[in-house]
Protein backbone atom coordinates (compact mmCIF):
# COMPACT_ATOMS: atom_id res chain seq x y z
CA MET A 1 108.25 90.31 86.15
CA ARG A 2 110.94 90.89 88.76
CA LYS A 3 111.84 86.61 89.84
CA LEU A 4 111.70 86.03 94.03
CA PHE A 5 115.07 85.15 94.99
CA ALA A 6 115.68 83.25 98.68
CA HIS A 7 118.77 83.81 100.15
CA THR A 8 120.81 82.36 103.03
CA LEU A 9 120.40 84.82 106.53
CA VAL A 10 124.02 86.39 107.20
CA ILE A 11 124.76 87.98 110.45
CA THR A 12 127.61 90.08 110.80
CA LEU A 13 127.81 92.61 114.34
CA PRO A 14 126.84 95.18 114.67
CA PHE A 15 124.37 94.61 112.02
CA SER A 16 122.77 91.56 110.92
CA CYS A 17 121.75 91.41 107.10
CA VAL A 18 118.38 89.14 106.13
CA PHE A 19 117.53 88.38 102.51
CA GLY A 20 114.42 86.56 103.23
CA SER A 21 111.89 85.56 99.88
CA GLU A 22 110.27 89.12 98.56
CA THR A 23 106.58 89.01 97.71
CA ALA A 24 105.29 91.28 94.94
CA ALA A 25 101.58 92.66 95.29
CA TRP A 26 100.16 94.52 92.50
CA ASP A 27 97.04 96.98 92.64
CA LEU A 28 96.69 98.10 89.29
CA ALA A 29 93.16 99.70 90.16
CA ASN A 30 95.00 101.88 92.13
CA ASN A 31 98.71 101.89 90.15
CA THR A 32 100.67 100.96 93.14
CA VAL A 33 103.22 97.83 94.14
CA THR A 34 103.96 97.04 97.29
CA TYR A 35 107.09 94.53 97.88
CA THR A 36 107.43 92.41 101.23
CA VAL A 37 109.94 90.68 102.90
CA SER A 38 108.74 88.57 106.04
CA SER A 39 111.44 87.49 108.83
CA THR A 40 112.44 86.76 111.92
CA PHE A 41 114.36 89.67 113.99
CA GLY A 42 116.74 89.53 117.07
CA ARG A 43 116.81 91.31 120.38
CA ASN A 44 118.41 95.02 120.21
CA THR A 45 120.27 93.70 116.61
CA PRO A 46 119.53 96.02 114.07
CA THR A 47 118.51 94.44 110.55
CA SER A 48 119.02 95.55 107.07
CA VAL A 49 116.51 94.00 105.01
CA SER A 50 116.38 94.58 101.26
CA LEU A 51 113.16 95.44 99.30
CA SER A 52 113.31 95.78 95.43
CA GLN A 53 113.60 99.43 94.20
CA PHE A 54 111.10 100.92 91.39
CA ASP A 55 111.44 99.69 88.46
CA ALA A 56 109.39 101.01 85.67
CA SER A 57 110.06 98.52 82.94
CA ASP A 58 107.97 95.53 85.52
CA VAL A 59 105.08 98.19 85.73
CA ALA A 60 104.66 98.32 81.89
CA LEU A 61 104.81 94.18 82.23
CA GLN A 62 102.07 94.46 84.81
CA GLU A 63 100.41 96.92 83.00
CA GLY A 64 100.59 95.64 79.59
CA SER A 65 101.91 98.48 77.71
CA GLY A 66 103.33 102.57 78.22
CA GLU A 67 105.13 104.15 80.03
CA TYR A 68 105.36 104.99 84.55
CA VAL A 69 107.03 107.39 86.40
CA LEU A 70 107.10 106.72 90.55
CA SER A 71 105.27 109.27 92.15
CA LYS A 72 105.08 108.78 96.17
CA VAL A 73 106.43 105.97 98.27
CA VAL A 74 105.44 104.47 101.50
CA LEU A 75 107.51 102.20 103.67
CA THR A 76 105.62 99.84 106.49
CA LEU A 77 106.73 97.36 109.40
CA ASN A 78 104.40 95.36 110.70
CA GLY A 79 105.15 92.72 113.34
CA SER A 80 104.64 90.35 116.14
CA ILE A 81 105.99 88.74 118.87
CA SER A 82 105.23 85.18 120.28
CA ALA A 83 106.34 83.43 123.59
CA VAL A 84 106.76 80.07 125.29
CA LEU A 85 106.43 80.32 129.14
CA SER A 86 107.62 78.32 131.69
CA TYR A 87 108.02 78.34 135.85
CA GLN A 88 108.80 76.40 138.52
CA ASN A 89 107.83 77.06 142.41
CA THR A 90 110.93 76.42 143.94
CA THR A 91 109.57 77.78 146.99
CA ALA A 92 108.12 76.07 150.14
CA SER A 93 104.71 77.09 149.66
CA SER A 94 102.53 78.07 146.78
CA GLN A 95 102.46 80.67 144.50
CA ASP A 96 100.70 83.05 142.92
CA VAL A 97 102.08 83.26 139.40
CA ALA A 98 100.96 86.11 136.86
CA VAL A 99 103.25 87.36 133.83
CA GLN A 100 103.68 90.35 131.38
CA ASN A 101 106.46 91.53 129.41
CA VAL A 102 107.16 95.45 129.96
CA GLY A 103 108.46 97.87 127.47
CA GLY A 104 110.27 96.99 124.05
CA GLY A 105 108.70 97.51 120.51
CA SER A 106 110.03 97.95 117.06
CA TYR A 107 111.04 100.44 114.38
CA PHE A 108 112.59 100.60 111.02
CA THR A 109 115.03 103.57 110.11
CA TYR A 110 115.83 104.68 106.08
CA ALA A 111 119.12 106.35 106.74
CA PRO A 112 118.91 107.60 103.12
CA LEU A 113 116.36 109.83 104.12
CA GLY A 114 117.00 109.94 107.87
CA VAL A 115 113.04 108.35 107.77
CA THR A 116 112.80 106.68 111.63
CA SER A 117 109.36 105.47 112.01
CA ALA A 118 107.20 105.54 115.06
CA THR A 119 107.29 102.43 117.34
CA GLU A 120 105.10 99.63 117.45
CA ASN A 121 104.54 98.43 120.78
CA TYR A 122 103.93 94.64 122.03
CA SER A 123 102.10 92.92 124.86
CA ILE A 124 101.93 89.40 126.34
CA GLN A 125 100.34 88.38 129.32
CA HIS A 126 99.65 85.43 131.27
CA ASN A 127 98.18 84.35 134.49
CA PHE A 128 99.38 80.48 135.49
CA GLY A 129 97.01 81.06 138.92
CA THR A 130 98.28 79.09 141.88
CA VAL A 131 101.70 76.66 141.61
CA ALA A 132 102.08 74.30 144.53
CA SER A 133 105.41 74.11 145.68
CA GLY A 134 107.98 72.05 143.43
CA ALA A 135 105.03 72.33 140.64
CA ILE A 136 106.33 73.22 136.85
CA VAL A 137 103.81 75.16 134.71
CA THR A 138 104.36 75.77 131.12
CA ALA A 139 102.14 78.21 129.20
CA GLY A 140 102.31 79.06 124.83
CA ASP A 141 103.15 74.84 124.28
CA PRO A 142 102.74 73.67 121.78
CA THR A 143 100.62 77.28 120.91
CA PRO A 144 103.01 79.98 121.35
CA LEU A 145 101.27 83.25 123.16
CA GLN A 146 100.96 86.07 120.47
CA ALA A 147 101.24 89.84 120.36
CA LEU A 148 100.14 91.11 116.83
CA GLY A 149 101.58 94.58 118.43
CA SER A 150 99.64 97.99 118.27
CA GLY A 151 99.63 98.33 114.67
CA ALA A 152 101.96 98.84 111.37
CA VAL A 153 104.15 101.92 111.72
CA SER A 154 104.74 103.17 108.03
CA SER A 155 107.11 106.53 106.90
CA GLY A 156 103.44 108.30 105.39
CA PHE A 157 103.89 109.38 102.22
CA ILE A 158 107.65 110.22 100.87
CA THR A 159 107.88 112.04 98.03
CA SER A 160 111.06 113.72 97.95
CA ASP A 161 114.38 112.14 96.50
CA LEU A 162 112.62 109.49 94.19
CA SER A 163 115.34 108.67 92.11
CA SER A 164 117.16 106.73 95.14
CA PHE A 165 114.41 104.35 94.89
CA ILE A 166 114.35 104.06 90.88
CA GLY A 167 116.75 100.98 89.60
CA SER A 168 116.52 97.67 89.27
CA GLY A 169 118.21 96.77 92.06
CA ASP A 170 117.25 97.19 96.17
CA ILE A 171 116.86 99.52 98.29
CA SER A 172 117.55 98.82 102.33
CA THR A 173 116.01 99.27 105.70
CA VAL A 174 117.03 98.84 109.55
CA VAL A 175 114.55 96.69 111.40
CA THR A 176 115.39 96.95 115.09
CA PHE A 177 113.31 95.27 118.04
CA ALA A 178 113.99 96.80 121.28
CA SER A 179 114.77 94.85 124.10
CA MET A 180 111.93 94.07 126.63
CA PHE A 181 111.87 92.05 129.93
CA TRP A 182 108.89 89.61 131.85
CA ASP A 183 107.64 90.85 135.21
CA TRP A 184 106.57 87.39 136.89
CA GLY A 185 105.40 88.49 140.53
CA ALA A 186 106.47 85.21 142.14
CA GLU A 187 109.91 83.53 143.18
CA GLY A 188 110.65 80.80 141.34
CA LEU A 189 112.85 79.13 138.07
CA LYS A 190 110.85 81.33 135.22
CA ASN A 191 112.01 81.02 131.24
CA GLU A 192 111.01 82.76 128.56
CA THR A 193 111.61 81.89 124.66
CA LEU A 194 110.66 85.07 122.68
CA VAL A 195 110.45 84.94 118.93
CA ARG A 196 110.21 88.27 117.07
CA SER A 197 108.93 88.30 113.45
CA ALA A 198 107.61 91.43 110.99
CA ASP A 199 107.06 91.84 107.70
CA MET A 200 108.77 95.41 106.16
CA SER A 201 107.38 96.63 102.91
CA VAL A 202 107.80 99.02 100.56
CA THR A 203 104.93 100.85 98.08
CA TYR A 204 105.50 102.17 95.15
CA TYR A 205 102.61 104.73 93.87
CA TYR A 206 103.45 105.03 90.03
CA ASP A 207 101.44 107.62 87.42
CA VAL A 208 101.39 107.08 83.59
CA VAL A 209 103.28 108.88 81.44
CA PRO A 210 100.89 110.11 78.39
CA GLU A 211 101.85 109.44 74.98
CA PRO A 212 102.99 112.28 72.70
CA SER A 213 100.09 112.50 70.28
CA THR A 214 98.06 112.92 73.77
CA SER A 215 99.76 115.50 75.19
CA ALA A 216 99.78 117.15 71.64
CA LEU A 217 96.24 116.54 71.57
CA ALA A 218 95.76 118.05 75.35
CA CYS A 219 97.92 121.15 74.03
CA LEU A 220 96.05 121.76 71.00
CA GLY A 221 92.80 121.82 72.75
CA SER A 222 94.11 124.04 75.23
CA ALA A 223 94.75 126.73 72.76
CA VAL A 224 91.73 126.47 71.08
CA LEU A 225 89.92 126.75 73.87
CA LEU A 226 92.10 129.90 74.96
CA LEU A 227 91.96 131.76 71.42
CA ARG A 228 87.97 131.59 71.71
CA ARG A 229 87.91 133.22 75.01
CA ARG A 230 90.08 135.89 73.78
CA ARG A 231 87.63 136.44 70.69
CA ALA A 232 84.63 136.27 73.01
CA ALA A 233 86.01 139.08 74.94
CA ALA A 234 86.98 140.97 72.31
CA ARG A 235 83.13 140.94 71.10
């Protein structure tokens, strides 16, 4: 079984790389394994995420025996954002304060096949109500405001160039959280602290390779059936 490693976050420009603890979820009933890395991401900083390749020996260990071949692949990104917002009314009168983030989102790319996902969008909004002159208000502390996104985005089934996913090493996808701005609708001092998190996953679908004896029996059965049909047609 593949061992899980924890690595140190290494940042380089213009790309950063994230190496988190990878988890593996096996679904033996449906012949799939999903590898997932969870991490946080910067704004407008494409971040490379490493995920395990499909290793047939790992599958054989899980299944107990047999040989297996990769049949299709799905890449998936499921993100969220969380925020702590603060506002100080520096005007001479009360302010009606509401805030909402605008634009932004997250997506991933897989360069070897030119795969780019759709964008998963997020929306956080909060109404502070009426804030008196000089007053300071905070939202999301201690529990951050959170948006889970508009739904996970994926590559769909990848069935071409499966050899690039096979081995005992890694594949690399690039996750990007696009920038967003905040519409406060009031004058004063504003501050936003935003955390961008996502699970990046690869799901491998595999098929069992029939044993030689099984294949031979299947061919023999087909030959016998064909011979019987020919004899019946000749009568």
